[in-house]
Amino acid sequence: MKPTDKQIKEFWKWCGIDFFETDGSLMGKTPIGGVFELKVDLNNLFKYAVPKLTQPNEPFYFIGLSYDAESSDWDVLIADVDEQGIEYKTIDNDPALALFWACYEVMKGDKE
């Protein structure tokens, strides 16, 4: 399932990315003043979202991204570092969306 524009913006804000919109595209700002297209893809997710999970104030760590050849689905599991049984698991046929939704669930849990 594709996220809405609102969910995407909320997510990148949680990741700490400064962004703006231009010609229908979401653009991110680099610390040195450059810009890049801020898409929900594996490159951006591993660069900006996964490190957010390993910050000292985030009690989660990324366990795995795996592919099930029978169902053609990607599975993502993010679990609690302290082994308190908190897990976020998502399945999607697009690995970037599977990772996005698992991280999004962590983000929602942070707000509760």
C-alpha atoms as a PDB file:
ATOM      1  CA  MET A   1       0.000   0.000   0.000  1.00  0.00           C
ATOM      2  CA  LYS A   2       1.342   3.413  -0.952  1.00  0.00           C
ATOM      3  CA  PRO A   3       1.505   6.091   1.735  1.00  0.00           C
ATOM      4  CA  THR A   4      -0.363   9.359   1.340  1.00  0.00           C
ATOM      5  CA  ASP A   5       1.491  12.636   0.797  1.00  0.00           C
ATOM      6  CA  LYS A   6       0.577  13.593   4.366  1.00  0.00           C
ATOM      7  CA  GLN A   7       2.074  10.355   5.753  1.00  0.00           C
ATOM      8  CA  ILE A   8       5.238  10.816   3.704  1.00  0.00           C
ATOM      9  CA  LYS A   9       5.738  14.385   4.944  1.00  0.00           C
ATOM     10  CA  GLU A  10       5.032  13.367   8.546  1.00  0.00           C
ATOM     11  CA  PHE A  11       7.544  10.529   8.216  1.00  0.00           C
ATOM     12  CA  TRP A  12      10.393  12.614   6.760  1.00  0.00           C
ATOM     13  CA  LYS A  13       9.784  15.275   9.402  1.00  0.00           C
ATOM     14  CA  TRP A  14      10.150  12.553  12.080  1.00  0.00           C
ATOM     15  CA  CYS A  15      13.438  11.540  10.411  1.00  0.00           C
ATOM     16  CA  GLY A  16      14.667  15.120  10.841  1.00  0.00           C
ATOM     17  CA  ILE A  17      14.786  15.984   7.145  1.00  0.00           C
ATOM     18  CA  ASP A  18      14.219  19.560   6.030  1.00  0.00           C
ATOM     19  CA  PHE A  19      12.161  19.468   2.857  1.00  0.00           C
ATOM     20  CA  PHE A  20      10.110  21.565   0.492  1.00  0.00           C
ATOM     21  CA  GLU A  21       7.813  20.947  -2.469  1.00  0.00           C
ATOM     22  CA  THR A  22       8.508  22.026  -6.026  1.00  0.00           C
ATOM     23  CA  ASP A  23       6.664  21.063  -9.207  1.00  0.00           C
ATOM     24  CA  GLY A  24       4.863  18.258  -7.385  1.00  0.00           C
ATOM     25  CA  SER A  25       8.085  16.690  -6.044  1.00  0.00           C
ATOM     26  CA  LEU A  26       9.257  16.570  -2.461  1.00  0.00           C
ATOM     27  CA  MET A  27      12.831  17.824  -2.200  1.00  0.00           C
ATOM     28  CA  GLY A  28      15.163  17.277   0.757  1.00  0.00           C
ATOM     29  CA  LYS A  29      17.886  19.676   1.867  1.00  0.00           C
ATOM     30  CA  THR A  30      21.388  18.442   2.662  1.00  0.00           C
ATOM     31  CA  PRO A  31      23.351  19.964   5.580  1.00  0.00           C
ATOM     32  CA  ILE A  32      25.703  21.700   3.124  1.00  0.00           C
ATOM     33  CA  GLY A  33      22.922  23.339   1.121  1.00  0.00           C
ATOM     34  CA  GLY A  34      22.348  20.831  -1.658  1.00  0.00           C
ATOM     35  CA  VAL A  35      18.964  19.413  -2.618  1.00  0.00           C
ATOM     36  CA  PHE A  36      17.783  15.960  -3.647  1.00  0.00           C
ATOM     37  CA  GLU A  37      14.482  14.324  -4.543  1.00  0.00           C
ATOM     38  CA  LEU A  38      13.079  12.824  -1.364  1.00  0.00           C
ATOM     39  CA  LYS A  39      11.451   9.610  -2.547  1.00  0.00           C
ATOM     40  CA  VAL A  40      10.356   6.617  -0.495  1.00  0.00           C
ATOM     41  CA  ASP A  41      13.103   4.321  -1.757  1.00  0.00           C
ATOM     42  CA  LEU A  42      15.652   2.057  -0.100  1.00  0.00           C
ATOM     43  CA  ASN A  43      18.499   4.559  -0.534  1.00  0.00           C
ATOM     44  CA  ASN A  44      16.691   7.335   1.343  1.00  0.00           C
ATOM     45  CA  LEU A  45      15.220   4.978   3.936  1.00  0.00           C
ATOM     46  CA  PHE A  46      18.593   3.443   4.827  1.00  0.00           C
ATOM     47  CA  LYS A  47      20.259   6.864   4.796  1.00  0.00           C
ATOM     48  CA  TYR A  48      17.709   8.755   6.924  1.00  0.00           C
ATOM     49  CA  ALA A  49      15.157   6.443   8.597  1.00  0.00           C
ATOM     50  CA  VAL A  50      17.169   3.405   9.708  1.00  0.00           C
ATOM     51  CA  PRO A  51      19.803   5.548  11.506  1.00  0.00           C
ATOM     52  CA  LYS A  52      16.930   7.231  13.383  1.00  0.00           C
ATOM     53  CA  LEU A  53      16.148   3.811  14.878  1.00  0.00           C
ATOM     54  CA  THR A  54      19.653   3.521  16.328  1.00  0.00           C
ATOM     55  CA  GLN A  55      19.807   6.915  18.056  1.00  0.00           C
ATOM     56  CA  PRO A  56      20.204   6.839  21.847  1.00  0.00           C
ATOM     57  CA  ASN A  57      16.653   8.086  22.454  1.00  0.00           C
ATOM     58  CA  GLU A  58      15.134   5.391  20.212  1.00  0.00           C
ATOM     59  CA  PRO A  59      14.796   1.985  21.935  1.00  0.00           C
ATOM     60  CA  PHE A  60      14.498   0.018  18.683  1.00  0.00           C
ATOM     61  CA  TYR A  61      16.835  -1.707  16.303  1.00  0.00           C
ATOM     62  CA  PHE A  62      16.431  -2.992  12.804  1.00  0.00           C
ATOM     63  CA  ILE A  63      16.462  -6.788  12.688  1.00  0.00           C
ATOM     64  CA  GLY A  64      15.874  -7.702   9.118  1.00  0.00           C
ATOM     65  CA  LEU A  65      14.541  -7.376   5.643  1.00  0.00           C
ATOM     66  CA  SER A  66      13.822 -10.719   4.007  1.00  0.00           C
ATOM     67  CA  TYR A  67      12.240 -11.937   0.791  1.00  0.00           C
ATOM     68  CA  ASP A  68       9.701 -14.762   0.516  1.00  0.00           C
ATOM     69  CA  ALA A  69       9.987 -16.197  -3.009  1.00  0.00           C
ATOM     70  CA  GLU A  70       6.706 -18.107  -2.752  1.00  0.00           C
ATOM     71  CA  SER A  71       4.582 -15.053  -2.020  1.00  0.00           C
ATOM     72  CA  SER A  72       6.906 -12.479  -3.680  1.00  0.00           C
ATOM     73  CA  ASP A  73       6.689 -10.433  -0.487  1.00  0.00           C
ATOM     74  CA  TRP A  74       9.306  -8.574   1.506  1.00  0.00           C
ATOM     75  CA  ASP A  75       9.112  -8.877   5.302  1.00  0.00           C
ATOM     76  CA  VAL A  76      10.553  -6.261   7.645  1.00  0.00           C
ATOM     77  CA  LEU A  77      10.898  -6.723  11.383  1.00  0.00           C
ATOM     78  CA  ILE A  78      11.972  -3.986  13.790  1.00  0.00           C
ATOM     79  CA  ALA A  79      12.217  -5.060  17.417  1.00  0.00           C
ATOM     80  CA  ASP A  80      12.873  -3.594  20.847  1.00  0.00           C
ATOM     81  CA  VAL A  81      16.546  -3.503  21.874  1.00  0.00           C
ATOM     82  CA  ASP A  82      15.639  -4.276  25.471  1.00  0.00           C
ATOM     83  CA  GLU A  83      13.722  -7.358  24.324  1.00  0.00           C
ATOM     84  CA  GLN A  84      10.490  -6.117  25.864  1.00  0.00           C
ATOM     85  CA  GLY A  85       8.536  -7.875  23.162  1.00  0.00           C
ATOM     86  CA  ILE A  86       7.695  -4.784  21.106  1.00  0.00           C
ATOM     87  CA  GLU A  87       7.851  -5.678  17.431  1.00  0.00           C
ATOM     88  CA  TYR A  88       6.880  -3.889  14.262  1.00  0.00           C
ATOM     89  CA  LYS A  89       6.445  -6.235  11.313  1.00  0.00           C
ATOM     90  CA  THR A  90       5.268  -5.354   7.832  1.00  0.00           C
ATOM     91  CA  ILE A  91       4.909  -7.229   4.570  1.00  0.00           C
ATOM     92  CA  ASP A  92       4.751  -5.718   1.082  1.00  0.00           C
ATOM     93  CA  ASN A  93       5.761  -6.759  -2.428  1.00  0.00           C
ATOM     94  CA  ASP A  94       7.943  -3.613  -2.589  1.00  0.00           C
ATOM     95  CA  PRO A  95      10.925  -3.720  -0.172  1.00  0.00           C
ATOM     96  CA  ALA A  96      10.978   0.072   0.207  1.00  0.00           C
ATOM     97  CA  LEU A  97       7.308   0.181   1.177  1.00  0.00           C
ATOM     98  CA  ALA A  98       7.750  -2.718   3.605  1.00  0.00           C
ATOM     99  CA  LEU A  99      10.599  -0.840   5.306  1.00  0.00           C
ATOM    100  CA  PHE A 100       8.702   2.473   5.188  1.00  0.00           C
ATOM    101  CA  TRP A 101       5.637   0.994   6.908  1.00  0.00           C
ATOM    102  CA  ALA A 102       7.696  -0.728   9.631  1.00  0.00           C
ATOM    103  CA  CYS A 103       9.515   2.547  10.372  1.00  0.00           C
ATOM    104  CA  TYR A 104       6.217   4.428  10.193  1.00  0.00           C
ATOM    105  CA  GLU A 105       4.803   2.121  12.876  1.00  0.00           C
ATOM    106  CA  VAL A 106       7.810   2.890  15.088  1.00  0.00           C
ATOM    107  CA  MET A 107       7.194   6.608  14.479  1.00  0.00           C
ATOM    108  CA  LYS A 108       3.537   6.260  15.480  1.00  0.00           C
ATOM    109  CA  GLY A 109       4.579   4.362  18.614  1.00  0.00           C
ATOM    110  CA  ASP A 110       6.927   7.212  19.555  1.00  0.00           C
ATOM    111  CA  LYS A 111       4.009   9.636  19.538  1.00  0.00           C
ATOM    112  CA  GLU A 112       1.797   7.604  21.872  1.00  0.00           C
END
